Amino acid sequence: MSSFTRVVANQVLLLFIVIVCGYFLYYILLSPLSPIPGPVVAKLTRLWLAFEGYRGTFHTTLLSLHDEYGDVVRVGPNELSIVEPGTVKMIYGIGSKFSKSDWYEPSRGARRFDLFAQQSERIHRTQRRVVNNIYTTASLRDSESAMDVTISRFMDVLENRCRGPIDLGKWLQLFAFDVIGQITFSRSFGLLELGHETPVLKAIFNAQKSASWVNQIPWAYRIHEAVIRPLFGERLAATARNGSIRSFVLDLIQARNSQENVHEDLMGKLEKVHKRHPAEFEKDDIVSMAATNVFAGSDTTAISMRAIFDYVLRDVRCKKTLVEEVDKVFSENQITSTAKYPVMSFAQASRMPYLQAVMYEAMRLHPVVGQTLPRVVPPEGLLCGDFVVPKDTIVGTSPYVLGRSKKIFGPDAEKFRPERWFDAHEGTMHRFWYAFGAGSRTCIGKSEPFSEALNASSLTLISQT
């Protein structure tokens, strides 16, 4: 190697060292976020967030960090996790100027219509307005009878096939998937009869698991779409929502169109929306919404049901109280069905205060979302306690961590106690119950099919367990 080459190499090495040292110096000592406490590794790279997501420990790690550092924790070079109630309300409240961050980009993919992952507040408002009416409780009551059939089949399968101990979590997952099929396509997916997961259900699970780390580093998704997919095909499980799962839904739509017995299902309502608003809601958008229902609806319903059953069946006192409430409704002849497994209506179950408290409490302690719901600080910045947070900083809160806030839910926030929802400060707790998000970005599926399925099938199963 010539002396000139050695000099150039040394200068390049020196420049690299300076850049690295400058990077470390800035993000640890000079960044506007430097005064905010958090793990050192979090101040330097988002890769640790991706690692925690990959391990499935993000929610518990975040809870530990807030226990150690307080209401505001730095979890990335440019990201904060916040559980201070006033600030949380400011970030997620109605009329908030905090837009969704790039964390949502891998979830949206190339889809034009996506209520969950759409980052533009203006576009989201337009899209939600178009489809909002078909997700109201009144609209979804059209599927109640079809859902009752699935609930009765669920109970029948358990009675006839399950002799002895069972994996209730597995059966709840299969049931939830079949319910989504009835609501969306007027047909069960047949998983209750099959008794095990199918490839598409496994694809949904793998996609959710993959998204838990890919969403933390959107650049990995961009590299996949720009380089890896064109050369080698789909290699990220997180993109299945836009690939194999979407293809599965397209096949279901074609099969539905040839069915004779079709009730007033979600597909029919989506098609009517398209006819009324063809420019705002295109044919391809119907597929996107149906795929979202299959992808997200089945998983969220199953997770919620599992949490409710787990907490109730572990708490003898709670189960006894709930069964007594169920028995009271039966004894008052409010259940008039002559079916083998009488199923309460949504309206009847909604009038059962202890059942509602149980559902709120279980989903407070075990919400569907454990990671933060990241937002971008607007140009005017954010004042959070003693900290001034500059514009473009990513901020968010985890429903899992927020649900354990002693400031909001009391000193026994870690305890499963449904009675807390009858306390005097119950209104405050409802304002910070973020199991379905909050503000204008509250999940449009909050009324569907979660409440219907849980209100009815949970009662039937718990009372006989």
Protein backbone atom coordinates (compact mmCIF):
# COMPACT_ATOMS: atom_id res chain seq x y z
CA MET A 1 0.00 0.00 0.00
CA SER A 2 1.39 3.39 -0.99
CA SER A 3 1.90 6.17 1.51
CA PHE A 4 -0.82 8.18 -0.20
CA THR A 5 -3.30 5.29 0.11
CA ARG A 6 -2.41 4.89 3.81
CA VAL A 7 -3.01 8.58 4.42
CA VAL A 8 -6.42 8.45 2.72
CA ALA A 9 -7.37 5.31 4.65
CA ASN A 10 -6.33 6.91 7.94
CA GLN A 11 -8.31 10.03 7.16
CA VAL A 12 -11.41 8.00 6.28
CA LEU A 13 -11.02 6.02 9.52
CA LEU A 14 -10.58 9.24 11.48
CA LEU A 15 -13.64 10.78 9.86
CA PHE A 16 -15.65 7.65 10.70
CA ILE A 17 -14.53 7.82 14.35
CA VAL A 18 -15.43 11.52 14.52
CA ILE A 19 -18.89 10.87 13.06
CA VAL A 20 -19.55 8.00 15.48
CA CYS A 21 -18.31 9.99 18.47
CA GLY A 22 -20.34 13.00 17.34
CA TYR A 23 -23.43 10.80 17.03
CA PHE A 24 -22.93 9.39 20.54
CA LEU A 25 -22.19 12.82 21.97
CA TYR A 26 -25.26 14.41 20.43
CA TYR A 27 -27.86 11.80 21.30
CA ILE A 28 -26.56 11.23 24.84
CA LEU A 29 -25.62 14.78 25.90
CA LEU A 30 -26.72 17.43 23.38
CA SER A 31 -30.09 16.30 22.06
CA PRO A 32 -33.15 18.28 23.28
CA LEU A 33 -34.32 14.96 24.73
CA SER A 34 -31.08 14.38 26.68
CA PRO A 35 -32.55 15.48 30.06
CA ILE A 36 -35.28 12.84 29.79
CA PRO A 37 -34.33 9.56 31.52
CA GLY A 38 -34.18 6.20 29.80
CA PRO A 39 -31.83 3.32 28.93
CA VAL A 40 -28.57 4.43 27.30
CA VAL A 41 -29.06 2.05 24.38
CA ALA A 42 -32.48 3.60 23.72
CA LYS A 43 -30.88 7.01 23.26
CA LEU A 44 -28.67 5.66 20.50
CA THR A 45 -30.73 3.31 18.34
CA ARG A 46 -34.23 2.03 17.65
CA LEU A 47 -32.86 -1.47 17.17
CA TRP A 48 -33.45 -2.18 20.85
CA LEU A 49 -37.16 -1.39 20.33
CA ALA A 50 -37.20 -3.85 17.43
CA PHE A 51 -35.46 -6.45 19.60
CA GLU A 52 -37.99 -6.06 22.42
CA GLY A 53 -40.80 -6.34 19.86
CA TYR A 54 -39.24 -9.47 18.40
CA ARG A 55 -38.96 -11.05 21.86
CA GLY A 56 -42.55 -10.10 22.67
CA THR A 57 -41.41 -8.33 25.85
CA PHE A 58 -41.93 -4.71 24.84
CA HIS A 59 -44.95 -4.19 27.12
CA THR A 60 -43.35 -5.61 30.25
CA THR A 61 -40.02 -3.86 29.59
CA LEU A 62 -41.86 -0.57 29.13
CA LEU A 63 -43.76 -1.08 32.38
CA SER A 64 -40.47 -1.67 34.22
CA LEU A 65 -38.93 1.45 32.68
CA HIS A 66 -41.83 3.62 33.84
CA ASP A 67 -41.62 2.10 37.31
CA GLU A 68 -37.94 3.08 37.35
CA TYR A 69 -37.95 6.47 35.62
CA GLY A 70 -41.46 7.88 36.05
CA ASP A 71 -44.18 9.13 33.72
CA VAL A 72 -41.86 10.16 30.86
CA VAL A 73 -39.23 7.77 29.49
CA ARG A 74 -36.96 8.12 26.49
CA VAL A 75 -37.29 4.92 24.47
CA GLY A 76 -35.57 5.95 21.23
CA PRO A 77 -33.18 8.56 19.84
CA ASN A 78 -36.24 10.67 19.02
CA GLU A 79 -39.06 8.91 20.88
CA LEU A 80 -40.71 9.15 24.29
CA SER A 81 -43.13 6.92 26.13
CA ILE A 82 -45.55 8.99 28.23
CA VAL A 83 -48.16 7.93 30.81
CA GLU A 84 -48.76 11.29 32.48
CA PRO A 85 -52.58 11.53 32.26
CA GLY A 86 -52.85 15.18 31.20
CA THR A 87 -50.28 14.80 28.43
CA VAL A 88 -51.77 11.53 27.23
CA LYS A 89 -55.15 13.23 26.88
CA MET A 90 -53.52 16.04 24.91
CA ILE A 91 -51.86 13.57 22.51
CA TYR A 92 -54.89 11.39 21.82
CA GLY A 93 -57.84 13.67 22.55
CA ILE A 94 -60.46 14.76 20.05
CA GLY A 95 -59.05 17.47 17.79
CA SER A 96 -55.45 16.50 18.56
CA LYS A 97 -52.82 17.76 16.12
CA PHE A 98 -50.58 14.78 16.79
CA SER A 99 -50.46 12.67 13.61
CA LYS A 100 -49.50 9.02 13.39
CA SER A 101 -45.79 8.29 12.93
CA ASP A 102 -43.98 6.14 10.35
CA TRP A 103 -44.45 3.19 12.75
CA TYR A 104 -47.72 2.55 10.87
CA GLU A 105 -46.17 2.50 7.39
CA PRO A 106 -45.42 -1.27 7.22
CA SER A 107 -48.98 -2.03 8.34
CA ARG A 108 -50.52 0.07 5.61
CA GLY A 109 -48.30 -1.10 2.78
CA ALA A 110 -49.54 0.07 -0.61
CA ARG A 111 -53.23 0.07 0.34
CA ARG A 112 -55.06 3.29 -0.44
CA PHE A 113 -57.80 2.72 2.13
CA ASP A 114 -56.66 1.85 5.67
CA LEU A 115 -58.33 3.38 8.72
CA PHE A 116 -55.79 1.97 11.16
CA ALA A 117 -52.53 2.85 9.43
CA GLN A 118 -53.50 5.99 7.50
CA GLN A 119 -51.16 8.72 8.76
CA SER A 120 -52.93 11.73 7.25
CA GLU A 121 -55.65 12.98 9.59
CA ARG A 122 -57.48 14.64 6.69
CA ILE A 123 -57.61 11.44 4.62
CA HIS A 124 -58.55 9.39 7.67
CA ARG A 125 -61.52 11.65 8.43
CA THR A 126 -62.78 11.26 4.87
CA GLN A 127 -62.34 7.49 4.84
CA ARG A 128 -63.95 6.99 8.23
CA ARG A 129 -66.94 9.12 7.29
CA VAL A 130 -67.60 6.90 4.26
CA VAL A 131 -67.76 3.57 6.16
CA ASN A 132 -68.60 4.63 9.71
CA ASN A 133 -72.32 3.81 9.55
CA ILE A 134 -71.80 0.14 8.76
CA TYR A 135 -69.79 -0.36 11.97
CA THR A 136 -72.35 1.08 14.37
CA THR A 137 -73.92 -1.20 16.95
CA ALA A 138 -77.32 -0.80 15.28
CA SER A 139 -75.91 -1.90 11.92
CA LEU A 140 -74.05 -4.87 13.34
CA ARG A 141 -77.15 -6.13 15.07
CA ASP A 142 -78.10 -7.41 11.59
CA SER A 143 -75.53 -10.18 12.13
CA GLU A 144 -76.74 -11.16 15.60
CA SER A 145 -78.74 -14.21 14.55
CA ALA A 146 -75.89 -15.53 12.39
CA MET A 147 -73.52 -15.06 15.29
CA ASP A 148 -75.89 -16.92 17.61
CA VAL A 149 -75.61 -19.93 15.30
CA THR A 150 -71.81 -19.86 15.62
CA ILE A 151 -72.02 -19.54 19.41
CA SER A 152 -74.34 -22.56 19.66
CA ARG A 153 -72.02 -24.54 17.38
CA PHE A 154 -69.09 -23.54 19.58
CA MET A 155 -70.82 -24.88 22.67
CA ASP A 156 -71.85 -28.05 20.86
CA VAL A 157 -68.29 -28.72 19.70
CA LEU A 158 -66.94 -28.25 23.21
CA GLU A 159 -69.53 -30.62 24.68
CA ASN A 160 -69.09 -33.36 22.08
CA ARG A 161 -65.36 -33.21 21.37
CA CYS A 162 -63.76 -32.07 24.58
CA ARG A 163 -63.77 -34.76 27.26
CA GLY A 164 -61.48 -33.64 30.05
CA PRO A 165 -58.98 -30.75 30.15
CA ILE A 166 -58.85 -28.59 27.02
CA ASP A 167 -56.80 -25.73 25.62
CA LEU A 168 -59.57 -23.16 25.92
CA GLY A 169 -57.36 -20.47 24.41
CA LYS A 170 -57.07 -22.46 21.19
CA TRP A 171 -60.81 -23.01 20.93
CA LEU A 172 -61.53 -19.35 21.58
CA GLN A 173 -59.19 -18.47 18.72
CA LEU A 174 -60.98 -20.88 16.36
CA PHE A 175 -64.36 -19.55 17.49
CA ALA A 176 -63.34 -15.93 16.93
CA PHE A 177 -62.17 -16.70 13.41
CA ASP A 178 -65.45 -18.45 12.56
CA VAL A 179 -67.41 -15.50 13.97
CA ILE A 180 -65.53 -13.13 11.68
CA GLY A 181 -66.41 -15.36 8.74
CA GLN A 182 -70.12 -15.19 9.59
CA ILE A 183 -70.12 -11.43 10.09
CA THR A 184 -68.08 -10.62 7.00
CA PHE A 185 -68.91 -13.30 4.40
CA SER A 186 -72.08 -15.05 5.68
CA ARG A 187 -70.10 -18.25 6.13
CA SER A 188 -68.10 -19.89 8.87
CA PHE A 189 -64.50 -20.78 8.09
CA GLY A 190 -65.18 -24.22 9.61
CA LEU A 191 -62.39 -24.09 12.16
CA LEU A 192 -64.59 -25.26 15.04
CA GLU A 193 -65.33 -28.46 13.14
CA LEU A 194 -61.72 -28.78 12.00
CA GLY A 195 -60.39 -28.37 15.53
CA HIS A 196 -57.05 -26.78 14.65
CA GLU A 197 -55.48 -23.74 13.02
CA THR A 198 -55.33 -23.38 9.26
CA PRO A 199 -52.44 -21.88 7.23
CA VAL A 200 -54.19 -18.50 6.98
CA LEU A 201 -54.66 -18.32 10.76
CA LYS A 202 -50.98 -19.13 11.22
CA ALA A 203 -50.14 -16.45 8.64
CA ILE A 204 -52.09 -13.89 10.66
CA PHE A 205 -50.22 -14.85 13.82
CA ASN A 206 -46.84 -14.69 12.07
CA ALA A 207 -47.72 -11.34 10.47
CA GLN A 208 -48.63 -9.85 13.85
CA LYS A 209 -45.44 -11.18 15.40
CA SER A 210 -43.34 -9.84 12.53
CA ALA A 211 -45.01 -6.42 12.65
CA SER A 212 -44.12 -6.11 16.35
CA TRP A 213 -40.49 -5.51 15.34
CA VAL A 214 -40.71 -4.36 11.71
CA ASN A 215 -42.94 -1.42 12.62
CA GLN A 216 -40.23 -0.15 14.98
CA ILE A 217 -37.76 0.17 12.09
CA PRO A 218 -39.79 1.11 8.97
CA TRP A 219 -36.58 1.31 6.92
CA ALA A 220 -36.41 -2.51 7.06
CA TYR A 221 -39.82 -2.64 5.42
CA ARG A 222 -38.76 -0.14 2.75
CA ILE A 223 -35.66 -2.22 1.90
CA HIS A 224 -37.84 -5.32 1.66
CA GLU A 225 -40.30 -3.65 -0.72
CA ALA A 226 -37.67 -1.94 -2.87
CA VAL A 227 -35.05 -4.69 -3.11
CA ILE A 228 -35.94 -8.02 -1.53
CA ARG A 229 -39.51 -8.50 -2.77
CA PRO A 230 -38.71 -7.77 -6.48
CA LEU A 231 -35.77 -10.21 -6.40
CA PHE A 232 -36.86 -12.95 -4.02
CA GLY A 233 -40.57 -12.48 -3.39
CA GLU A 234 -42.32 -11.87 -0.07
CA ARG A 235 -39.89 -12.52 2.78
CA LEU A 236 -41.42 -10.47 5.60
CA ALA A 237 -44.31 -12.13 7.41
CA ALA A 238 -45.60 -8.64 8.28
CA THR A 239 -46.44 -8.01 4.62
CA ALA A 240 -48.79 -11.01 4.43
CA ARG A 241 -51.67 -8.64 5.15
CA ASN A 242 -51.05 -7.17 1.72
CA GLY A 243 -50.16 -10.50 0.10
CA SER A 244 -51.29 -14.02 1.04
CA ILE A 245 -54.04 -12.88 3.44
CA ARG A 246 -55.40 -10.47 0.84
CA SER A 247 -55.45 -13.30 -1.71
CA PHE A 248 -57.34 -15.45 0.80
CA VAL A 249 -59.95 -12.71 1.17
CA LEU A 250 -60.32 -12.33 -2.59
CA ASP A 251 -61.15 -16.04 -2.82
CA LEU A 252 -63.72 -15.63 -0.03
CA ILE A 253 -65.37 -12.73 -1.84
CA GLN A 254 -65.68 -14.78 -5.02
CA ALA A 255 -67.13 -17.71 -3.07
CA ARG A 256 -69.61 -15.43 -1.31
CA ASN A 257 -70.85 -14.03 -4.60
CA SER A 258 -71.92 -17.55 -5.60
CA GLN A 259 -73.68 -18.29 -2.29
CA GLU A 260 -77.45 -18.45 -2.10
CA ASN A 261 -77.96 -17.95 1.65
CA VAL A 262 -76.37 -14.59 2.37
CA HIS A 263 -77.53 -12.50 5.31
CA GLU A 264 -76.98 -8.77 5.72
CA ASP A 265 -73.22 -9.19 6.19
CA LEU A 266 -70.34 -6.75 6.14
CA MET A 267 -69.45 -7.50 2.51
CA GLY A 268 -72.94 -6.55 1.38
CA LYS A 269 -72.75 -3.30 3.29
CA LEU A 270 -69.30 -2.49 1.90
CA GLU A 271 -70.60 -3.05 -1.61
CA LYS A 272 -73.49 -0.64 -0.96
CA VAL A 273 -70.99 1.96 0.26
CA HIS A 274 -69.05 1.52 -2.99
CA LYS A 275 -72.20 2.10 -5.05
CA ARG A 276 -73.00 5.28 -3.12
CA HIS A 277 -69.42 6.62 -3.10
CA PRO A 278 -67.57 4.99 -6.03
CA ALA A 279 -64.86 7.65 -6.16
CA GLU A 280 -64.14 7.69 -2.43
CA PHE A 281 -64.56 3.94 -1.88
CA GLU A 282 -63.28 1.93 -4.81
CA LYS A 283 -63.65 -1.80 -5.51
CA ASP A 284 -60.15 -2.42 -4.24
CA ASP A 285 -61.05 -0.64 -0.99
CA ILE A 286 -63.75 -3.25 -0.34
CA VAL A 287 -61.04 -5.91 -0.36
CA SER A 288 -58.86 -3.81 1.96
CA MET A 289 -61.64 -3.40 4.53
CA ALA A 290 -62.62 -7.07 4.37
CA ALA A 291 -58.99 -8.12 4.76
CA THR A 292 -58.61 -5.83 7.76
CA ASN A 293 -61.69 -7.39 9.32
CA VAL A 294 -60.23 -10.89 8.90
CA PHE A 295 -56.68 -9.92 9.86
CA ALA A 296 -57.37 -7.71 12.87
CA GLY A 297 -60.90 -8.63 13.90
CA SER A 298 -60.31 -12.30 14.62
CA ASP A 299 -57.09 -11.72 16.52
CA THR A 300 -58.36 -8.88 18.70
CA THR A 301 -61.56 -10.75 19.56
CA ALA A 302 -59.66 -13.90 20.52
CA ILE A 303 -57.13 -12.00 22.65
CA SER A 304 -59.89 -10.17 24.51
CA MET A 305 -61.88 -13.33 25.14
CA ARG A 306 -58.82 -15.18 26.38
CA ALA A 307 -58.03 -12.40 28.82
CA ILE A 308 -61.59 -12.33 30.18
CA PHE A 309 -61.81 -16.08 30.68
CA ASP A 310 -58.34 -16.26 32.19
CA TYR A 311 -59.04 -13.61 34.82
CA VAL A 312 -62.55 -14.84 35.65
CA LEU A 313 -61.69 -18.53 35.95
CA ARG A 314 -58.72 -17.75 38.20
CA ASP A 315 -60.85 -15.64 40.54
CA VAL A 316 -63.41 -17.78 42.39
CA ARG A 317 -65.16 -14.76 43.90
CA CYS A 318 -65.47 -13.00 40.56
CA LYS A 319 -66.78 -16.09 38.79
CA LYS A 320 -69.37 -16.66 41.52
CA THR A 321 -70.62 -13.08 41.27
CA LEU A 322 -70.81 -13.22 37.49
CA VAL A 323 -72.63 -16.56 37.42
CA GLU A 324 -75.12 -15.21 39.96
CA GLU A 325 -75.82 -12.29 37.64
CA VAL A 326 -76.29 -14.72 34.73
CA ASP A 327 -78.62 -16.92 36.78
CA LYS A 328 -80.66 -13.90 37.78
CA VAL A 329 -81.26 -12.99 34.14
CA PHE A 330 -82.29 -16.57 33.35
CA SER A 331 -84.58 -16.78 36.39
CA GLU A 332 -86.35 -13.59 35.38
CA ASN A 333 -87.19 -15.30 32.06
CA GLN A 334 -85.33 -12.75 30.00
CA ILE A 335 -83.91 -15.57 27.93
CA THR A 336 -86.75 -16.92 25.79
CA SER A 337 -84.81 -18.99 23.26
CA THR A 338 -85.73 -22.68 23.01
CA ALA A 339 -82.30 -23.57 21.62
CA LYS A 340 -80.11 -26.17 23.31
CA TYR A 341 -77.75 -23.38 24.39
CA PRO A 342 -79.85 -20.25 24.99
CA VAL A 343 -77.85 -17.20 23.94
CA MET A 344 -78.43 -13.79 25.43
CA SER A 345 -78.93 -10.93 23.06
CA PHE A 346 -76.53 -8.01 22.89
CA ALA A 347 -79.17 -5.77 24.47
CA GLN A 348 -79.73 -8.15 27.38
CA ALA A 349 -76.04 -8.62 28.11
CA SER A 350 -75.39 -4.89 27.86
CA ARG A 351 -77.74 -4.40 30.82
CA MET A 352 -75.62 -6.67 33.03
CA PRO A 353 -73.37 -4.28 35.00
CA TYR A 354 -71.02 -6.86 36.49
CA LEU A 355 -70.40 -8.49 33.11
CA GLN A 356 -69.54 -5.09 31.64
CA ALA A 357 -67.21 -4.36 34.56
CA VAL A 358 -65.47 -7.73 34.08
CA MET A 359 -64.85 -7.01 30.41
CA TYR A 360 -63.51 -3.52 31.09
CA GLU A 361 -61.26 -4.80 33.86
CA ALA A 362 -59.81 -7.72 31.90
CA MET A 363 -59.07 -5.54 28.89
CA ARG A 364 -57.59 -2.85 31.11
CA LEU A 365 -55.01 -5.33 32.42
CA HIS A 366 -54.56 -7.18 29.14
CA PRO A 367 -55.41 -4.93 26.19
CA VAL A 368 -54.82 -6.10 22.64
CA VAL A 369 -52.04 -3.54 22.15
CA GLY A 370 -48.94 -3.70 24.36
CA GLN A 371 -46.69 -1.37 22.35
CA THR A 372 -47.09 2.39 22.23
CA LEU A 373 -49.43 4.12 19.78
CA PRO A 374 -46.83 6.57 18.40
CA ARG A 375 -47.69 10.11 17.34
CA VAL A 376 -45.62 13.02 16.00
CA VAL A 377 -45.37 16.24 18.01
CA PRO A 378 -46.83 19.17 16.00
CA PRO A 379 -44.88 22.37 15.15
CA GLU A 380 -45.86 24.12 18.39
CA GLY A 381 -44.08 21.46 20.45
CA LEU A 382 -45.24 19.85 23.68
CA LEU A 383 -44.84 20.75 27.33
CA CYS A 384 -44.83 17.59 29.44
CA GLY A 385 -44.23 18.29 33.13
CA ASP A 386 -40.78 19.84 33.38
CA PHE A 387 -39.77 18.75 29.91
CA VAL A 388 -40.10 20.76 26.69
CA VAL A 389 -40.53 18.33 23.82
CA PRO A 390 -39.65 19.78 20.39
CA LYS A 391 -41.64 19.32 17.19
CA ASP A 392 -41.27 16.09 15.19
CA THR A 393 -40.46 14.09 18.31
CA ILE A 394 -42.34 10.79 18.42
CA VAL A 395 -44.45 10.38 21.55
CA GLY A 396 -46.90 7.70 22.60
CA THR A 397 -48.40 5.62 25.35
CA SER A 398 -48.91 1.90 25.76
CA PRO A 399 -52.49 0.87 26.71
CA TYR A 400 -50.88 -1.95 28.71
CA VAL A 401 -48.77 0.44 30.80
CA LEU A 402 -51.46 3.13 31.02
CA GLY A 403 -53.93 0.52 32.26
CA ARG A 404 -51.72 -0.07 35.28
CA SER A 405 -51.40 3.58 36.22
CA LYS A 406 -52.01 4.02 39.96
CA LYS A 407 -52.84 7.68 39.33
CA ILE A 408 -55.81 6.65 37.22
CA PHE A 409 -56.90 3.23 38.50
CA GLY A 410 -55.90 3.45 42.15
CA PRO A 411 -53.18 1.90 44.35
CA ASP A 412 -54.33 -1.63 43.48
CA ALA A 413 -54.08 -1.03 39.73
CA GLU A 414 -52.18 -4.31 39.25
CA LYS A 415 -55.07 -6.28 40.75
CA PHE A 416 -58.04 -7.70 38.85
CA ARG A 417 -61.00 -6.10 40.63
CA PRO A 418 -64.08 -5.49 38.44
CA GLU A 419 -65.78 -3.59 41.28
CA ARG A 420 -63.49 -0.62 40.63
CA TRP A 421 -65.75 0.25 37.67
CA PHE A 422 -68.52 1.06 40.14
CA ASP A 423 -66.32 3.52 42.10
CA ALA A 424 -66.90 7.24 42.23
CA HIS A 425 -64.02 8.00 39.82
CA GLU A 426 -65.26 5.50 37.25
CA GLY A 427 -65.69 8.32 34.69
CA THR A 428 -61.99 9.15 34.82
CA MET A 429 -61.09 5.50 34.32
CA HIS A 430 -63.26 5.28 31.21
CA ARG A 431 -61.48 8.32 29.75
CA PHE A 432 -58.16 6.49 30.01
CA TRP A 433 -59.34 3.03 28.97
CA TYR A 434 -57.42 2.79 25.70
CA ALA A 435 -58.05 -0.84 24.76
CA PHE A 436 -59.45 0.41 21.42
CA GLY A 437 -57.32 3.52 21.10
CA ALA A 438 -58.69 6.99 21.75
CA GLY A 439 -60.00 10.18 20.22
CA SER A 440 -60.68 10.36 16.51
CA ARG A 441 -58.50 7.29 15.93
CA THR A 442 -60.53 5.00 18.18
CA CYS A 443 -60.84 1.63 16.43
CA ILE A 444 -63.91 1.60 14.19
CA GLY A 445 -64.45 -2.04 15.18
CA LYS A 446 -65.01 -1.21 18.85
CA SER A 447 -68.63 -2.31 18.53
CA GLU A 448 -67.80 -5.23 16.26
CA PRO A 449 -67.69 -8.13 16.82
CA PHE A 450 -66.12 -7.89 20.25
CA SER A 451 -69.08 -6.75 22.31
CA GLU A 452 -71.55 -9.07 20.62
CA ALA A 453 -69.38 -12.18 20.82
CA LEU A 454 -68.20 -11.56 24.37
CA ASN A 455 -71.55 -10.51 25.76
CA ALA A 456 -73.21 -13.64 24.48
CA SER A 457 -70.73 -16.51 24.29
CA SER A 458 -68.84 -15.57 27.45
CA LEU A 459 -72.04 -15.80 29.47
CA THR A 460 -72.99 -19.13 28.02
CA LEU A 461 -69.57 -20.69 28.53
CA ILE A 462 -68.72 -19.20 31.92
CA SER A 463 -72.04 -20.25 33.40
CA GLN A 464 -71.33 -23.86 32.43
CA THR A 465 -67.61 -24.00 33.23
